[in-house]
């Protein structure tokens, strides 16, 4: 049955030949039967230790409920979201009921139901001493369950559970690795920044909306929590001069109300390349290579004109939708494209502010949100999950 269910949830309703409510009810009945069969099999099997029980419960839970590759996630994408309009209400009703029933697959519920098996050695010893009263060292009679059993020193010890890297950290390191192989190096800078480095040196005038109190978190009139990692560009130009090839990861802060797509703190990576004869073609080739390395060789990139005070000309980069392969879906708003970053040629005034001669050197820069890339890569629909420290969420990565 598990193999059949695995195949079914990966197909759409039309592919399964389901076109009416009765067929939908039968499909969901198969899913419920498979869920219950696998749960009962685990309960019947039991576990030899707490560690084994935790592992088996997590494996079963992740098989059905994991956000990215859980079977219910496939049901959501292939049956509910892709269902024909005629059967969508009955699919939605059954899916909601299924999600409620899936509470029995949470680790706490499974752990409560799965029993610990008696140790085989102890069982054998119990049979050998059946009917015999065992006495302790001072001659007091004790029951069979309290008999002394020699410890097996060859058994593995109890180990502390190991954690894992946060999904945002994993995404950041994956991006960094691509650019490190291209010859870039990593630079960092302070998160509490001066107005000069955060705005003035980047050619952002005092009239720009980003400098308002309702966009930027000010500490005082001359100090802010940096709104982007771009100040490190100026600091690196002053420190190293040209040529310069760097990527700049780090936290940024803006006056945003938290919701599914916004957070007052977020993570950003910027790239900067400065050298002689650098052109926009170099920028396009680098970012196209980066997108293919990160999301796959089938990804296409699109550049559209835009405006940023610190680059000229400027552009916005979009990639073909990784969820529908560019055909159009809810995520890409039926356009087939997802905007992922801004970029452009470094403005000559920014080069001058960094102590570099714009008559001799040119450069390009880009900036992207690491959290947003992680949401796309791992199919996460709420940025707030990254900052809630929910162990049930983090254990999936």
Protein backbone atom coordinates (compact mmCIF):
# COMPACT_ATOMS: atom_id res chain seq x y z
CA UNK A 1 0.00 0.00 0.00
CA UNK A 2 2.71 2.64 0.77
CA UNK A 3 4.20 2.25 -2.69
CA UNK A 4 0.79 2.70 -4.31
CA UNK A 5 0.06 5.80 -2.22
CA UNK A 6 3.50 7.26 -2.99
CA UNK A 7 2.73 6.95 -6.70
CA UNK A 8 -0.81 8.31 -6.44
CA UNK A 9 0.00 11.51 -4.52
CA UNK A 10 2.62 12.44 -7.10
CA UNK A 11 0.00 12.49 -9.89
CA UNK A 12 -2.77 14.98 -10.55
CA UNK A 13 -6.45 14.03 -10.39
CA UNK A 14 -6.84 13.97 -14.20
CA UNK A 15 -3.77 11.72 -14.46
CA UNK A 16 -5.45 9.37 -11.97
CA UNK A 17 -8.68 9.45 -13.96
CA UNK A 18 -10.63 11.14 -11.15
CA UNK A 19 -13.25 13.59 -12.34
CA UNK A 20 -16.10 13.42 -9.81
CA UNK A 21 -16.75 13.61 -6.06
CA UNK A 22 -16.98 9.84 -5.65
CA UNK A 23 -13.53 9.37 -7.12
CA UNK A 24 -12.13 12.05 -4.82
CA UNK A 25 -13.71 10.41 -1.75
CA UNK A 26 -12.22 7.05 -2.78
CA UNK A 27 -8.74 8.56 -3.21
CA UNK A 28 -8.77 10.20 0.20
CA UNK A 29 -10.07 6.97 1.71
CA UNK A 30 -6.97 5.24 0.30
CA UNK A 31 -4.75 7.87 1.89
CA UNK A 32 -6.46 7.50 5.28
CA UNK A 33 -6.15 3.72 5.08
CA UNK A 34 -2.44 3.96 4.26
CA UNK A 35 -1.83 6.43 7.09
CA UNK A 36 -3.60 4.25 9.62
CA UNK A 37 -1.88 1.08 8.38
CA UNK A 38 1.58 2.61 8.74
CA UNK A 39 0.75 4.04 12.17
CA UNK A 40 -0.57 0.70 13.41
CA UNK A 41 2.47 -1.11 12.00
CA UNK A 42 4.78 1.15 13.99
CA UNK A 43 2.72 0.77 17.17
CA UNK A 44 2.65 -3.01 16.74
CA UNK A 45 6.40 -3.16 16.11
CA UNK A 46 7.37 -1.00 19.09
CA UNK A 47 10.92 0.08 19.80
CA UNK A 48 13.85 -1.34 21.73
CA UNK A 49 14.86 2.00 23.31
CA UNK A 50 13.80 5.60 23.71
CA UNK A 51 16.32 6.63 21.06
CA UNK A 52 14.98 4.12 18.53
CA UNK A 53 11.40 5.14 19.28
CA UNK A 54 12.23 8.81 18.72
CA UNK A 55 13.95 7.99 15.44
CA UNK A 56 11.12 5.81 14.11
CA UNK A 57 8.46 8.34 15.13
CA UNK A 58 10.36 11.16 13.41
CA UNK A 59 10.81 9.11 10.23
CA UNK A 60 7.09 8.33 10.03
CA UNK A 61 6.12 11.89 10.89
CA UNK A 62 8.44 13.37 8.23
CA UNK A 63 7.27 10.85 5.63
CA UNK A 64 3.72 12.18 5.92
CA UNK A 65 3.99 15.73 7.28
CA UNK A 66 7.34 17.20 6.14
CA UNK A 67 6.77 20.57 4.45
CA UNK A 68 8.82 19.86 1.35
CA UNK A 69 8.58 16.15 0.55
CA UNK A 70 5.86 14.87 2.91
CA UNK A 71 3.04 12.89 1.29
CA UNK A 72 0.44 15.43 2.47
CA UNK A 73 2.50 18.18 0.81
CA UNK A 74 2.16 16.28 -2.48
CA UNK A 75 -1.59 15.92 -1.86
CA UNK A 76 -1.78 19.68 -1.34
CA UNK A 77 0.12 20.53 -4.56
CA UNK A 78 -1.07 17.79 -6.93
CA UNK A 79 -4.66 17.22 -5.77
CA UNK A 80 -5.86 20.40 -4.03
CA UNK A 81 -4.06 23.25 -5.77
CA UNK A 82 -4.19 21.60 -9.21
CA UNK A 83 -7.73 20.22 -8.90
CA UNK A 84 -10.36 21.04 -11.54
CA UNK A 85 -12.97 23.60 -10.43
CA UNK A 86 -15.77 21.04 -10.47
CA UNK A 87 -14.26 18.92 -7.68
CA UNK A 88 -12.23 21.56 -5.81
CA UNK A 89 -14.79 21.96 -2.93
CA UNK A 90 -14.87 18.22 -2.15
CA UNK A 91 -11.06 18.01 -2.44
CA UNK A 92 -10.68 20.96 -0.06
CA UNK A 93 -13.12 19.47 2.45
CA UNK A 94 -11.37 16.11 2.44
CA UNK A 95 -7.91 17.68 2.64
CA UNK A 96 -8.87 19.80 5.65
CA UNK A 97 -10.24 16.73 7.40
CA UNK A 98 -7.05 14.84 6.53
CA UNK A 99 -4.87 17.60 8.02
CA UNK A 100 -6.87 17.39 11.27
CA UNK A 101 -6.49 13.62 11.39
CA UNK A 102 -2.75 13.95 10.75
CA UNK A 103 -2.32 15.29 14.29
CA UNK A 104 -1.90 11.63 15.27
CA UNK A 105 1.38 11.68 13.29
CA UNK A 106 3.00 14.44 15.32
CA UNK A 107 6.01 13.10 17.19
CA UNK A 108 4.50 13.64 20.66
CA UNK A 109 1.36 11.66 19.74
CA UNK A 110 3.33 8.83 18.11
CA UNK A 111 5.77 8.58 21.02
CA UNK A 112 2.84 8.18 23.41
CA UNK A 113 1.39 5.30 21.34
CA UNK A 114 4.56 3.37 20.45
CA UNK A 115 5.55 0.94 23.25
CA UNK A 116 9.06 -0.10 24.25
CA UNK A 117 9.82 -3.77 23.59
CA UNK A 118 11.29 -5.92 26.38
CA UNK A 119 15.01 -6.57 25.83
CA UNK A 120 15.59 -10.01 24.28
CA UNK A 121 18.37 -10.83 26.77
CA UNK A 122 16.17 -9.91 29.71
CA UNK A 123 13.29 -11.99 28.32
CA UNK A 124 15.53 -15.03 27.98
CA UNK A 125 16.93 -14.54 31.46
CA UNK A 126 13.41 -14.23 32.81
CA UNK A 127 12.43 -17.57 31.28
CA UNK A 128 15.51 -19.24 32.74
CA UNK A 129 14.74 -17.99 36.24
CA UNK A 130 10.97 -18.47 36.11
CA UNK A 131 9.59 -19.55 39.50
CA UNK A 132 12.87 -18.74 41.32
CA UNK A 133 12.93 -16.11 44.04
CA UNK A 134 16.00 -13.92 43.67
CA UNK A 135 17.59 -12.42 46.81
CA UNK A 136 19.73 -9.33 47.03
CA UNK A 137 23.08 -9.06 48.79
CA UNK A 138 21.53 -8.85 52.24
CA UNK A 139 19.15 -11.77 51.69
CA UNK A 140 15.96 -9.81 51.07
CA UNK A 141 13.60 -11.48 48.61
CA UNK A 142 12.92 -9.42 45.49
CA UNK A 143 10.59 -9.96 42.51
CA UNK A 144 11.58 -11.29 39.13
CA UNK A 145 11.36 -7.81 37.55
CA UNK A 146 13.96 -6.47 39.99
CA UNK A 147 16.62 -9.10 39.28
CA UNK A 148 20.12 -7.86 38.59
CA UNK A 149 21.13 -8.06 34.93
CA UNK A 150 24.80 -7.58 34.00
CA UNK A 151 25.45 -4.46 31.93
CA UNK A 152 26.65 -5.02 28.37
CA UNK A 153 29.59 -2.66 28.04
CA UNK A 154 29.70 -3.21 24.26
CA UNK A 155 26.37 -1.44 23.73
CA UNK A 156 26.57 2.15 22.39
CA UNK A 157 26.09 4.86 24.98
CA UNK A 158 23.37 7.48 25.11
CA UNK A 159 24.34 10.34 22.82
CA UNK A 160 23.23 13.93 22.88
CA UNK A 161 21.11 14.74 19.86
CA UNK A 162 22.93 16.82 17.30
CA UNK A 163 21.33 19.94 15.88
CA UNK A 164 21.54 21.17 12.31
CA UNK A 165 22.32 24.41 10.52
CA UNK A 166 19.48 26.92 10.29
CA UNK A 167 17.89 26.93 6.80
CA UNK A 168 18.90 30.58 6.28
CA UNK A 169 22.50 29.70 7.19
CA UNK A 170 22.41 26.76 4.77
CA UNK A 171 21.12 29.04 2.00
CA UNK A 172 23.73 31.71 2.75
CA UNK A 173 26.59 29.22 2.67
CA UNK A 174 25.34 27.73 -0.59
CA UNK A 175 25.31 31.17 -2.22
CA UNK A 176 28.72 32.04 -0.79
CA UNK A 177 30.19 28.78 -2.09
CA UNK A 178 29.17 29.59 -5.67
CA UNK A 179 30.89 32.99 -5.61
CA UNK A 180 33.95 31.70 -3.75
CA UNK A 181 34.50 29.31 -6.68
CA UNK A 182 34.30 32.32 -9.02
CA UNK A 183 37.17 34.01 -7.20
CA UNK A 184 35.21 36.33 -4.92
CA UNK A 185 35.99 36.69 -1.21
CA UNK A 186 33.66 37.31 1.72
CA UNK A 187 33.58 40.66 3.50
CA UNK A 188 31.50 41.72 6.51
CA UNK A 189 30.87 45.00 8.32
CA UNK A 190 29.08 46.56 11.32
CA UNK A 191 25.31 46.25 11.69
CA UNK A 192 25.18 49.62 13.52
CA UNK A 193 26.21 52.00 10.77
CA UNK A 194 26.73 55.72 10.20
CA UNK A 195 24.36 57.71 8.01
CA UNK A 196 27.34 58.53 5.79
CA UNK A 197 28.16 54.91 4.91
CA UNK A 198 24.52 53.78 4.83
CA UNK A 199 23.22 56.62 2.64
CA UNK A 200 25.52 59.52 1.71
CA UNK A 201 28.46 57.54 0.31
CA UNK A 202 26.03 55.41 -1.73
CA UNK A 203 24.66 58.45 -3.55
CA UNK A 204 21.31 58.28 -1.73
CA UNK A 205 20.10 61.90 -1.32
CA UNK A 206 18.46 63.27 1.83
CA UNK A 207 15.14 63.47 -0.03
CA UNK A 208 15.08 59.72 -0.74
CA UNK A 209 12.11 57.93 0.95
CA UNK A 210 14.37 55.23 2.43
CA UNK A 211 15.88 57.84 4.77
CA UNK A 212 12.53 58.57 6.45
CA UNK A 213 11.87 57.49 10.05
CA UNK A 214 9.14 55.08 8.96
CA UNK A 215 11.54 53.17 6.72
CA UNK A 216 14.82 53.23 8.67
CA UNK A 217 15.54 52.43 12.34
CA UNK A 218 17.55 55.38 13.66
CA UNK A 219 19.66 55.18 16.82
CA UNK A 220 20.38 58.90 16.65
CA UNK A 221 20.62 61.54 13.91
CA UNK A 222 23.95 60.17 12.64
CA UNK A 223 23.59 56.43 13.39
CA UNK A 224 21.23 53.76 12.06
CA UNK A 225 20.72 50.03 12.03
CA UNK A 226 21.94 49.36 8.51
CA UNK A 227 19.17 48.96 5.97
CA UNK A 228 21.32 46.93 3.55
CA UNK A 229 24.82 45.46 3.39
CA UNK A 230 25.87 48.10 0.81
CA UNK A 231 27.90 50.18 3.34
CA UNK A 232 30.48 47.38 3.28
CA UNK A 233 31.01 48.15 -0.41
CA UNK A 234 32.34 51.62 0.46
CA UNK A 235 34.36 50.32 3.42
CA UNK A 236 35.96 47.65 1.21
CA UNK A 237 36.80 50.15 -1.55
CA UNK A 238 38.50 52.36 1.01
CA UNK A 239 40.32 49.38 2.52
CA UNK A 240 41.43 47.45 -0.59
CA UNK A 241 41.06 49.76 -3.57
CA UNK A 242 40.67 48.15 -7.02
CA UNK A 243 40.45 45.57 -8.48
CA UNK A 244 37.91 44.16 -6.02
CA UNK A 245 35.68 41.06 -6.08
CA UNK A 246 33.62 40.51 -2.91
CA UNK A 247 30.31 39.15 -1.62
CA UNK A 248 28.83 40.68 1.52
CA UNK A 249 26.45 38.60 3.68
CA UNK A 250 24.79 39.88 6.83
CA UNK A 251 21.73 41.02 8.77
CA UNK A 252 19.79 44.16 7.82
CA UNK A 253 17.03 46.09 9.57
CA UNK A 254 14.05 48.07 8.33
CA UNK A 255 10.92 49.53 9.85
CA UNK A 256 8.61 46.80 8.49
CA UNK A 257 5.60 45.28 10.20
CA UNK A 258 6.08 41.50 10.38
CA UNK A 259 3.88 39.38 8.14
CA UNK A 260 4.29 36.36 5.87
CA UNK A 261 6.71 38.20 3.55
CA UNK A 262 8.20 40.98 5.74
CA UNK A 263 10.38 41.08 8.83
CA UNK A 264 12.07 44.02 10.63
CA UNK A 265 15.27 41.93 10.52
CA UNK A 266 16.33 39.95 7.48
CA UNK A 267 19.44 38.60 5.76
CA UNK A 268 21.01 39.96 2.60
CA UNK A 269 23.94 39.17 0.32
CA UNK A 270 25.46 41.72 -2.01
CA UNK A 271 28.10 41.21 -4.64
CA UNK A 272 30.60 43.75 -5.96
CA UNK A 273 33.08 43.45 -8.82
CA UNK A 274 35.39 46.35 -9.76
CA UNK A 275 38.11 46.13 -12.40
CA UNK A 276 39.17 47.58 -15.71
CA UNK A 277 36.81 46.99 -18.66
CA UNK A 278 33.95 45.60 -16.53
CA UNK A 279 30.67 45.77 -18.48
CA UNK A 280 26.98 44.97 -18.01
CA UNK A 281 27.57 41.82 -20.06
CA UNK A 282 29.88 40.54 -17.28
CA UNK A 283 27.11 41.18 -14.77
CA UNK A 284 24.50 39.32 -16.84
CA UNK A 285 26.78 36.36 -17.45
CA UNK A 286 27.73 36.06 -13.77
CA UNK A 287 24.16 36.25 -12.46
CA UNK A 288 22.89 33.82 -15.11
CA UNK A 289 25.62 31.34 -14.08
CA UNK A 290 24.74 31.88 -10.41
CA UNK A 291 21.01 31.25 -10.96
CA UNK A 292 21.70 28.02 -12.86
CA UNK A 293 24.10 26.73 -10.20
CA UNK A 294 21.59 27.46 -7.42
CA UNK A 295 18.29 26.43 -9.00
CA UNK A 296 19.29 24.14 -11.89
CA UNK A 297 20.53 24.33 -15.46
CA UNK A 298 17.01 24.75 -16.87
CA UNK A 299 16.55 28.12 -15.14
CA UNK A 300 16.35 31.17 -17.41
CA UNK A 301 17.09 34.75 -16.37
CA UNK A 302 15.50 38.02 -17.45
CA UNK A 303 16.83 41.57 -16.89
CA UNK A 304 14.52 44.59 -16.84
CA UNK A 305 15.50 48.28 -16.50
CA UNK A 306 15.04 49.83 -13.06
CA UNK A 307 16.44 52.67 -10.93
CA UNK A 308 18.71 52.63 -7.89
CA UNK A 309 20.68 55.71 -6.74
CA UNK A 310 23.92 53.75 -6.39
CA UNK A 311 23.96 52.06 -9.81
CA UNK A 312 23.61 53.37 -13.35
CA UNK A 313 22.29 51.72 -15.42
CA UNK A 314 20.23 49.59 -13.03
CA UNK A 315 18.16 46.48 -13.51
CA UNK A 316 15.95 43.92 -11.81
CA UNK A 317 16.66 40.22 -12.31
CA UNK A 318 13.90 37.64 -12.65
CA UNK A 319 14.21 33.89 -13.03
CA UNK A 320 11.82 31.48 -14.69
CA UNK A 321 9.44 30.17 -12.03
CA UNK A 322 10.97 27.19 -10.23
CA UNK A 323 7.50 25.91 -9.27
CA UNK A 324 5.84 25.78 -12.70
CA UNK A 325 8.91 25.83 -15.01
CA UNK A 326 7.77 29.15 -16.42
CA UNK A 327 4.30 28.02 -17.49
CA UNK A 328 2.44 30.25 -15.01
CA UNK A 329 1.13 29.49 -11.52
CA UNK A 330 -0.15 31.13 -8.33
CA UNK A 331 3.37 31.78 -7.03
CA UNK A 332 4.55 33.68 -10.11
CA UNK A 333 1.09 35.27 -10.60
CA UNK A 334 0.70 33.44 -13.91
CA UNK A 335 3.64 35.37 -15.41
CA UNK A 336 6.13 32.50 -15.44
CA UNK A 337 8.78 34.75 -13.82
CA UNK A 338 9.86 35.52 -10.23
CA UNK A 339 11.79 38.70 -9.45
CA UNK A 340 14.75 37.81 -7.24
CA UNK A 341 17.26 40.69 -7.02
CA UNK A 342 18.35 44.15 -8.08
CA UNK A 343 21.61 44.91 -9.86
CA UNK A 344 23.46 47.44 -11.98
CA UNK A 345 26.73 49.12 -12.88
CA UNK A 346 28.25 50.96 -9.92
CA UNK A 347 27.53 54.69 -10.13
CA UNK A 348 30.71 56.74 -10.84
CA UNK A 349 30.03 58.91 -7.77
CA UNK A 350 29.94 55.80 -5.55
CA UNK A 351 33.35 54.79 -6.94
CA UNK A 352 34.69 58.27 -6.17
CA UNK A 353 33.29 58.10 -2.62
CA UNK A 354 35.16 54.81 -2.19
CA UNK A 355 38.43 56.35 -3.38
CA UNK A 356 38.44 54.68 -6.83
CA UNK A 357 38.92 56.54 -10.11
CA UNK A 358 35.79 55.97 -12.31
CA UNK A 359 37.80 57.01 -15.39
CA UNK A 360 40.00 53.95 -14.92
CA UNK A 361 37.72 51.39 -13.28
CA UNK A 362 34.14 50.25 -13.69
CA UNK A 363 32.16 47.75 -11.68
CA UNK A 364 28.86 46.06 -11.09
CA UNK A 365 26.88 45.15 -7.98
CA UNK A 366 23.82 43.14 -7.02
CA UNK A 367 21.78 42.52 -3.87
CA UNK A 368 19.45 39.67 -2.90
CA UNK A 369 17.48 38.54 0.15
CA UNK A 370 18.78 35.28 1.60
CA UNK A 371 15.52 34.61 3.47
CA UNK A 372 13.51 34.94 0.28
CA UNK A 373 15.83 32.60 -1.60
CA UNK A 374 15.49 30.07 1.24
CA UNK A 375 11.70 30.38 1.08
CA UNK A 376 11.79 29.60 -2.65
CA UNK A 377 14.35 26.79 -2.39
CA UNK A 378 12.62 25.03 0.52
CA UNK A 379 9.01 25.95 -0.43
CA UNK A 380 8.31 27.95 2.77
CA UNK A 381 5.35 30.36 2.69
CA UNK A 382 5.99 32.44 5.84
CA UNK A 383 9.26 34.28 6.58
CA UNK A 384 8.37 34.45 10.28
CA UNK A 385 9.03 30.72 10.63
CA UNK A 386 12.76 31.49 10.35
CA UNK A 387 12.72 33.54 13.54
CA UNK A 388 10.34 31.62 15.83
CA UNK A 389 12.85 28.94 16.94
CA UNK A 390 10.18 26.22 16.59
CA UNK A 391 12.12 22.96 16.88
CA UNK A 392 9.45 21.12 14.86
CA UNK A 393 10.18 23.41 11.92
CA UNK A 394 13.96 23.46 12.29
CA UNK A 395 14.27 19.66 12.57
CA UNK A 396 13.15 19.35 8.94
CA UNK A 397 16.44 20.83 7.69
